[in-house]
């Protein structure tokens, strides 16, 4: 069976309830801006003085529709809960912005509607050859710039802060995971934990080297439908053996897929065991207000050094 892409089959119907008037519309575009309007055009214009000019954004991701407040004056609520970051929205949800309400009449995407290949268009492949240059059509079209980096071997010497009790507890939890779980399960549990330890972070992915084919293979990612990994940055990580922070340029010339996946910034780091390079790990965020600091990078590098040793030990025991 051949499925249509999720963009071709998906639409969202929104009922707008405002002090001025009530109306509804159905949208099939990937991105919808909501607000009072002004310097920046909006797709849903609401004449409500309590609504900011560019109040919030709705976008279509591979796992469904998401919404995030755009640092508005009065904030946004989903079903009476104040939004603190990006959230998934579903049919039946009510989003309160100022004194107005967006009633989501239809916003569901079923698993059959998903074209999982759409996740792999320019940002990820399940296997990435380390030597061959990427085909032209797979080079990310978005501008990505590295804003901070450090050699992994030096990370423990340049940490911006002393290890806290919470950091030590986290490292111990990683060791326990690899002590009791199979490698596949341990990788999933560890990437889920690593994603959660950075407050700004929403996604993560672990890729390991297949020594027989000299390829990086996606072994675990969190959450299920969003393993957003840049092939260009993956190669840079393996070639330089450095951990780094990157940011994406979300100008109009950025790639459509980067906008659709809502990638904002993230961190990449190699996984090593002594002189041996065994893979890499990436984390990224969808938040428009998030940023990763040098302190985050130092902690991330320390985590990846511990993780690399645990993975190598697990692989040797399983050999």
Protein backbone atom coordinates (compact mmCIF):
# COMPACT_ATOMS: atom_id res chain seq x y z
CA UNK A 1 0.00 0.00 0.00
CA UNK A 2 1.28 3.48 -0.86
CA UNK A 3 0.41 6.29 1.53
CA UNK A 4 0.17 9.94 0.64
CA UNK A 5 2.44 12.28 2.52
CA UNK A 6 1.10 13.64 5.80
CA UNK A 7 1.12 17.16 4.36
CA UNK A 8 -1.17 16.14 1.48
CA UNK A 9 -3.67 14.43 3.77
CA UNK A 10 -3.62 16.73 6.80
CA UNK A 11 -5.59 19.86 7.56
CA UNK A 12 -6.63 21.73 10.66
CA UNK A 13 -10.01 23.39 11.23
CA UNK A 14 -10.04 26.23 13.75
CA UNK A 15 -13.07 28.06 15.14
CA UNK A 16 -12.20 31.57 16.33
CA UNK A 17 -14.29 33.00 19.18
CA UNK A 18 -13.42 36.67 19.76
CA UNK A 19 -15.13 39.72 21.32
CA UNK A 20 -15.44 41.16 17.81
CA UNK A 21 -16.85 38.17 15.87
CA UNK A 22 -16.83 34.39 15.58
CA UNK A 23 -15.66 32.59 12.46
CA UNK A 24 -13.92 29.41 11.31
CA UNK A 25 -11.45 28.33 8.66
CA UNK A 26 -9.62 25.21 7.48
CA UNK A 27 -5.87 25.38 6.83
CA UNK A 28 -3.65 22.99 4.87
CA UNK A 29 -0.43 24.98 5.10
CA UNK A 30 2.54 23.90 7.24
CA UNK A 31 2.65 27.05 9.38
CA UNK A 32 -0.09 29.34 10.75
CA UNK A 33 0.58 32.59 12.60
CA UNK A 34 -2.11 33.96 14.91
CA UNK A 35 -2.36 37.51 16.25
CA UNK A 36 -3.71 41.02 16.01
CA UNK A 37 -1.51 41.77 13.01
CA UNK A 38 0.93 44.59 12.37
CA UNK A 39 4.44 44.60 10.95
CA UNK A 40 4.29 40.87 10.32
CA UNK A 41 1.30 39.42 8.43
CA UNK A 42 -0.72 36.78 10.26
CA UNK A 43 -2.93 33.98 8.94
CA UNK A 44 -5.57 34.30 11.68
CA UNK A 45 -6.14 37.99 12.43
CA UNK A 46 -8.07 38.72 15.62
CA UNK A 47 -9.26 42.22 16.53
CA UNK A 48 -8.75 41.84 20.27
CA UNK A 49 -6.57 44.33 22.20
CA UNK A 50 -5.55 41.55 24.63
CA UNK A 51 -4.07 39.54 21.74
CA UNK A 52 -0.48 40.39 20.77
CA UNK A 53 0.33 41.41 17.20
CA UNK A 54 2.03 38.07 16.55
CA UNK A 55 0.66 36.06 19.47
CA UNK A 56 1.37 32.40 18.68
CA UNK A 57 2.33 29.96 15.96
CA UNK A 58 0.80 26.65 14.87
CA UNK A 59 2.79 24.29 12.69
CA UNK A 60 2.48 20.84 11.17
CA UNK A 61 5.14 18.33 12.25
CA UNK A 62 5.46 14.66 11.27
CA UNK A 63 3.55 13.61 14.40
CA UNK A 64 0.75 16.18 14.16
CA UNK A 65 0.00 19.83 14.90
CA UNK A 66 1.93 21.86 17.47
CA UNK A 67 1.41 25.32 18.99
CA UNK A 68 3.75 27.69 20.81
CA UNK A 69 3.20 31.10 22.36
CA UNK A 70 5.36 33.80 20.73
CA UNK A 71 6.32 35.54 24.00
CA UNK A 72 2.97 37.35 23.99
CA UNK A 73 1.98 39.92 26.60
CA UNK A 74 -0.88 37.93 28.12
CA UNK A 75 0.29 34.41 27.30
CA UNK A 76 -1.66 31.45 25.95
CA UNK A 77 -3.55 28.62 27.63
CA UNK A 78 -4.48 25.14 26.44
CA UNK A 79 -7.62 23.87 28.15
CA UNK A 80 -7.03 26.44 30.95
CA UNK A 81 -3.38 25.40 31.48
CA UNK A 82 -0.80 28.14 30.86
CA UNK A 83 1.65 27.22 28.11
CA UNK A 84 5.31 27.03 29.15
CA UNK A 85 6.64 25.70 25.83
CA UNK A 86 5.58 24.00 22.58
CA UNK A 87 2.59 21.65 22.94
CA UNK A 88 0.77 19.17 20.70
CA UNK A 89 -2.81 20.15 19.89
CA UNK A 90 -5.65 17.78 19.12
CA UNK A 91 -9.27 17.89 18.02
CA UNK A 92 -11.39 19.30 20.84
CA UNK A 93 -8.65 21.44 22.40
CA UNK A 94 -9.35 25.06 23.29
CA UNK A 95 -6.53 27.59 23.13
CA UNK A 96 -7.18 30.84 24.98
CA UNK A 97 -5.23 33.86 23.75
CA UNK A 98 -6.13 37.09 25.52
CA UNK A 99 -9.92 37.26 25.68
CA UNK A 100 -10.30 35.16 22.53
CA UNK A 101 -10.44 31.39 22.05
CA UNK A 102 -9.21 29.12 19.27
CA UNK A 103 -11.41 26.03 19.29
CA UNK A 104 -9.65 23.19 17.45
CA UNK A 105 -12.39 21.34 15.61
CA UNK A 106 -10.13 18.98 13.67
CA UNK A 107 -6.37 18.46 13.99
CA UNK A 108 -5.76 14.74 14.20
CA UNK A 109 -3.28 12.76 12.12
CA UNK A 110 -3.61 9.00 12.20
CA UNK A 111 -0.59 6.72 11.95
CA UNK A 112 -1.73 5.66 8.48
CA UNK A 113 -1.54 9.29 7.35
CA UNK A 114 2.13 9.55 8.27
CA UNK A 115 4.76 9.28 5.59
CA UNK A 116 7.72 8.36 7.77
CA UNK A 117 9.98 8.90 4.77
CA UNK A 118 9.15 12.58 5.11
CA UNK A 119 11.25 12.63 8.26
CA UNK A 120 14.29 11.58 6.30
CA UNK A 121 14.14 14.10 3.45
CA UNK A 122 17.20 16.17 4.30
CA UNK A 123 17.69 15.82 8.02
CA UNK A 124 18.05 12.14 8.68
CA UNK A 125 18.79 8.81 7.12
CA UNK A 126 18.69 5.53 8.97
CA UNK A 127 22.19 4.81 7.59
CA UNK A 128 24.76 7.50 6.83
CA UNK A 129 27.99 6.54 5.05
CA UNK A 130 30.91 8.35 6.64
CA UNK A 131 33.18 8.61 3.61
CA UNK A 132 31.00 9.21 0.56
CA UNK A 133 29.79 12.82 0.11
CA UNK A 134 26.02 13.19 0.51
CA UNK A 135 23.93 13.32 -2.68
CA UNK A 136 23.07 16.86 -3.73
CA UNK A 137 19.38 16.49 -2.93
CA UNK A 138 20.16 15.51 0.67
CA UNK A 139 22.27 18.54 1.56
CA UNK A 140 20.30 20.66 4.05
CA UNK A 141 19.11 23.85 2.40
CA UNK A 142 18.81 25.75 5.66
CA UNK A 143 21.60 27.87 7.05
CA UNK A 144 23.18 26.27 10.12
CA UNK A 145 25.96 27.89 12.10
CA UNK A 146 28.09 26.49 14.89
CA UNK A 147 28.07 28.87 17.85
CA UNK A 148 30.32 27.02 20.30
CA UNK A 149 32.46 23.92 20.32
CA UNK A 150 35.10 22.10 22.32
CA UNK A 151 37.27 18.99 21.93
CA UNK A 152 35.70 16.12 23.81
CA UNK A 153 39.04 15.11 25.29
CA UNK A 154 39.31 18.47 27.08
CA UNK A 155 35.74 18.77 28.28
CA UNK A 156 36.41 17.66 31.84
CA UNK A 157 39.10 20.35 32.19
CA UNK A 158 37.05 23.30 31.02
CA UNK A 159 33.75 22.68 32.72
CA UNK A 160 31.97 25.92 33.47
CA UNK A 161 30.70 24.61 36.79
CA UNK A 162 31.50 21.93 39.31
CA UNK A 163 29.61 18.67 39.03
CA UNK A 164 26.46 18.82 41.12
CA UNK A 165 24.85 16.03 43.09
CA UNK A 166 22.14 15.88 40.41
CA UNK A 167 24.78 15.39 37.69
CA UNK A 168 26.42 12.55 39.66
CA UNK A 169 23.02 10.97 40.27
CA UNK A 170 22.28 11.13 36.55
CA UNK A 171 25.59 9.43 35.67
CA UNK A 172 24.80 6.70 38.18
CA UNK A 173 21.40 6.17 36.61
CA UNK A 174 23.02 5.76 33.19
CA UNK A 175 25.36 3.11 34.62
CA UNK A 176 22.41 1.25 36.13
CA UNK A 177 20.52 1.31 32.82
CA UNK A 178 23.41 -0.32 30.98
CA UNK A 179 23.96 -2.77 33.81
CA UNK A 180 20.50 -4.29 33.65
CA UNK A 181 19.06 -3.64 30.18
CA UNK A 182 19.78 -5.02 26.71
CA UNK A 183 21.69 -2.58 24.49
CA UNK A 184 18.64 -1.58 22.43
CA UNK A 185 16.54 -0.86 25.54
CA UNK A 186 19.46 0.83 27.30
CA UNK A 187 19.98 3.19 24.37
CA UNK A 188 16.31 4.19 24.31
CA UNK A 189 16.14 4.75 28.08
CA UNK A 190 19.38 6.72 28.08
CA UNK A 191 18.42 9.07 25.22
CA UNK A 192 15.08 9.70 26.94
CA UNK A 193 16.94 10.59 30.15
CA UNK A 194 19.43 12.82 28.32
CA UNK A 195 16.61 14.68 26.58
CA UNK A 196 14.95 15.34 29.93
CA UNK A 197 18.04 16.61 31.77
CA UNK A 198 18.26 19.72 29.57
CA UNK A 199 15.17 21.83 30.23
CA UNK A 200 15.20 23.38 26.74
CA UNK A 201 15.52 20.09 24.93
CA UNK A 202 12.75 18.17 23.17
CA UNK A 203 14.42 15.53 20.99
CA UNK A 204 17.48 13.33 20.87
CA UNK A 205 19.11 10.65 18.73
CA UNK A 206 21.97 8.14 19.13
CA UNK A 207 23.82 6.86 16.05
CA UNK A 208 26.46 4.11 16.28
CA UNK A 209 29.17 3.15 13.80
CA UNK A 210 28.73 -0.09 11.89
CA UNK A 211 32.39 -1.08 11.54
CA UNK A 212 31.70 -3.52 8.71
CA UNK A 213 30.08 -0.95 6.42
CA UNK A 214 31.65 2.24 7.87
CA UNK A 215 28.19 3.74 8.30
CA UNK A 216 26.48 5.60 11.09
CA UNK A 217 23.27 3.77 11.99
CA UNK A 218 20.37 5.31 13.89
CA UNK A 219 20.01 3.08 16.96
CA UNK A 220 17.68 5.07 19.19
CA UNK A 221 15.75 8.33 19.14
CA UNK A 222 13.22 10.17 21.27
CA UNK A 223 10.38 10.87 20.71
CA UNK A 224 9.24 8.16 18.30
CA UNK A 225 8.45 10.23 15.20
CA UNK A 226 11.06 12.98 15.38
CA UNK A 227 14.65 11.73 14.90
CA UNK A 228 15.79 15.03 13.37
CA UNK A 229 19.50 14.67 12.60
CA UNK A 230 21.42 16.78 10.10
CA UNK A 231 23.64 14.60 7.92
CA UNK A 232 26.01 17.53 7.47
CA UNK A 233 26.40 18.07 11.21
CA UNK A 234 26.71 14.32 11.81
CA UNK A 235 29.68 14.16 9.43
CA UNK A 236 31.20 17.25 11.03
CA UNK A 237 30.93 15.60 14.45
CA UNK A 238 32.66 12.44 13.28
CA UNK A 239 35.35 14.28 11.30
CA UNK A 240 36.30 16.81 13.98
CA UNK A 241 35.56 14.65 17.05
CA UNK A 242 34.30 17.79 18.78
CA UNK A 243 31.12 18.59 20.64
CA UNK A 244 29.38 21.78 19.53
CA UNK A 245 26.26 23.93 19.77
CA UNK A 246 24.49 24.97 16.59
CA UNK A 247 21.66 27.33 15.67
CA UNK A 248 19.45 27.36 12.58
CA UNK A 249 18.65 30.42 10.51
CA UNK A 250 14.86 30.51 10.15
CA UNK A 251 14.76 33.13 7.44
CA UNK A 252 12.51 32.78 4.42
CA UNK A 253 15.26 30.99 2.49
CA UNK A 254 15.56 28.20 5.06
CA UNK A 255 14.56 24.72 3.96
CA UNK A 256 10.89 23.82 4.20
CA UNK A 257 11.70 20.62 6.08
CA UNK A 258 13.66 22.45 8.78
CA UNK A 259 10.68 24.74 9.30
CA UNK A 260 8.26 21.81 9.31
CA UNK A 261 10.30 19.92 11.92
CA UNK A 262 10.65 23.23 13.80
CA UNK A 263 14.36 22.71 14.49
CA UNK A 264 15.77 25.74 16.33
CA UNK A 265 19.09 24.82 17.91
CA UNK A 266 20.87 21.85 19.42
CA UNK A 267 24.07 20.09 20.41
CA UNK A 268 26.10 17.34 18.72
CA UNK A 269 28.89 15.27 20.29
CA UNK A 270 30.93 12.19 19.34
CA UNK A 271 30.73 8.97 21.34
CA UNK A 272 34.21 7.61 22.02
CA UNK A 273 35.94 4.92 24.05
CA UNK A 274 39.63 5.70 24.35
CA UNK A 275 40.94 6.25 20.82
CA UNK A 276 37.96 4.43 19.31
CA UNK A 277 35.09 6.40 17.75
CA UNK A 278 31.88 4.43 18.25
CA UNK A 279 29.22 6.92 17.16
CA UNK A 280 27.58 10.24 17.97
CA UNK A 281 24.63 11.75 19.80
CA UNK A 282 22.49 14.79 19.07
CA UNK A 283 19.83 16.74 20.93
CA UNK A 284 17.74 19.65 19.69
CA UNK A 285 14.88 21.89 20.68
CA UNK A 286 11.73 23.24 19.05
CA UNK A 287 11.38 26.21 21.40
CA UNK A 288 11.70 29.68 19.88
CA UNK A 289 13.01 31.03 23.20
CA UNK A 290 15.46 28.24 24.02
CA UNK A 291 19.22 28.35 23.80
CA UNK A 292 22.08 26.08 24.82
CA UNK A 293 24.94 27.55 26.84
CA UNK A 294 28.62 26.66 27.13
CA UNK A 295 27.74 25.16 30.50
CA UNK A 296 25.18 22.90 28.80
CA UNK A 297 27.82 21.88 26.27
CA UNK A 298 30.29 20.96 29.01
CA UNK A 299 27.71 18.80 30.77
CA UNK A 300 26.64 17.24 27.46
CA UNK A 301 30.28 16.39 26.66
CA UNK A 302 30.76 14.78 30.07
CA UNK A 303 27.60 12.72 29.61
CA UNK A 304 28.69 11.52 26.18
CA UNK A 305 32.10 10.41 27.49
CA UNK A 306 30.42 8.27 30.15
CA UNK A 307 27.85 7.02 27.65
CA UNK A 308 30.56 6.07 25.14
CA UNK A 309 32.30 3.90 27.72
CA UNK A 310 29.05 2.22 28.76
CA UNK A 311 28.08 1.46 25.15
CA UNK A 312 31.54 0.07 24.31
CA UNK A 313 31.50 -2.16 27.41
CA UNK A 314 28.01 -3.40 26.55
CA UNK A 315 29.03 -4.13 22.96
CA UNK A 316 32.11 -6.10 24.07
CA UNK A 317 30.08 -8.17 26.54
CA UNK A 318 27.56 -8.94 23.82
CA UNK A 319 30.21 -9.89 21.24
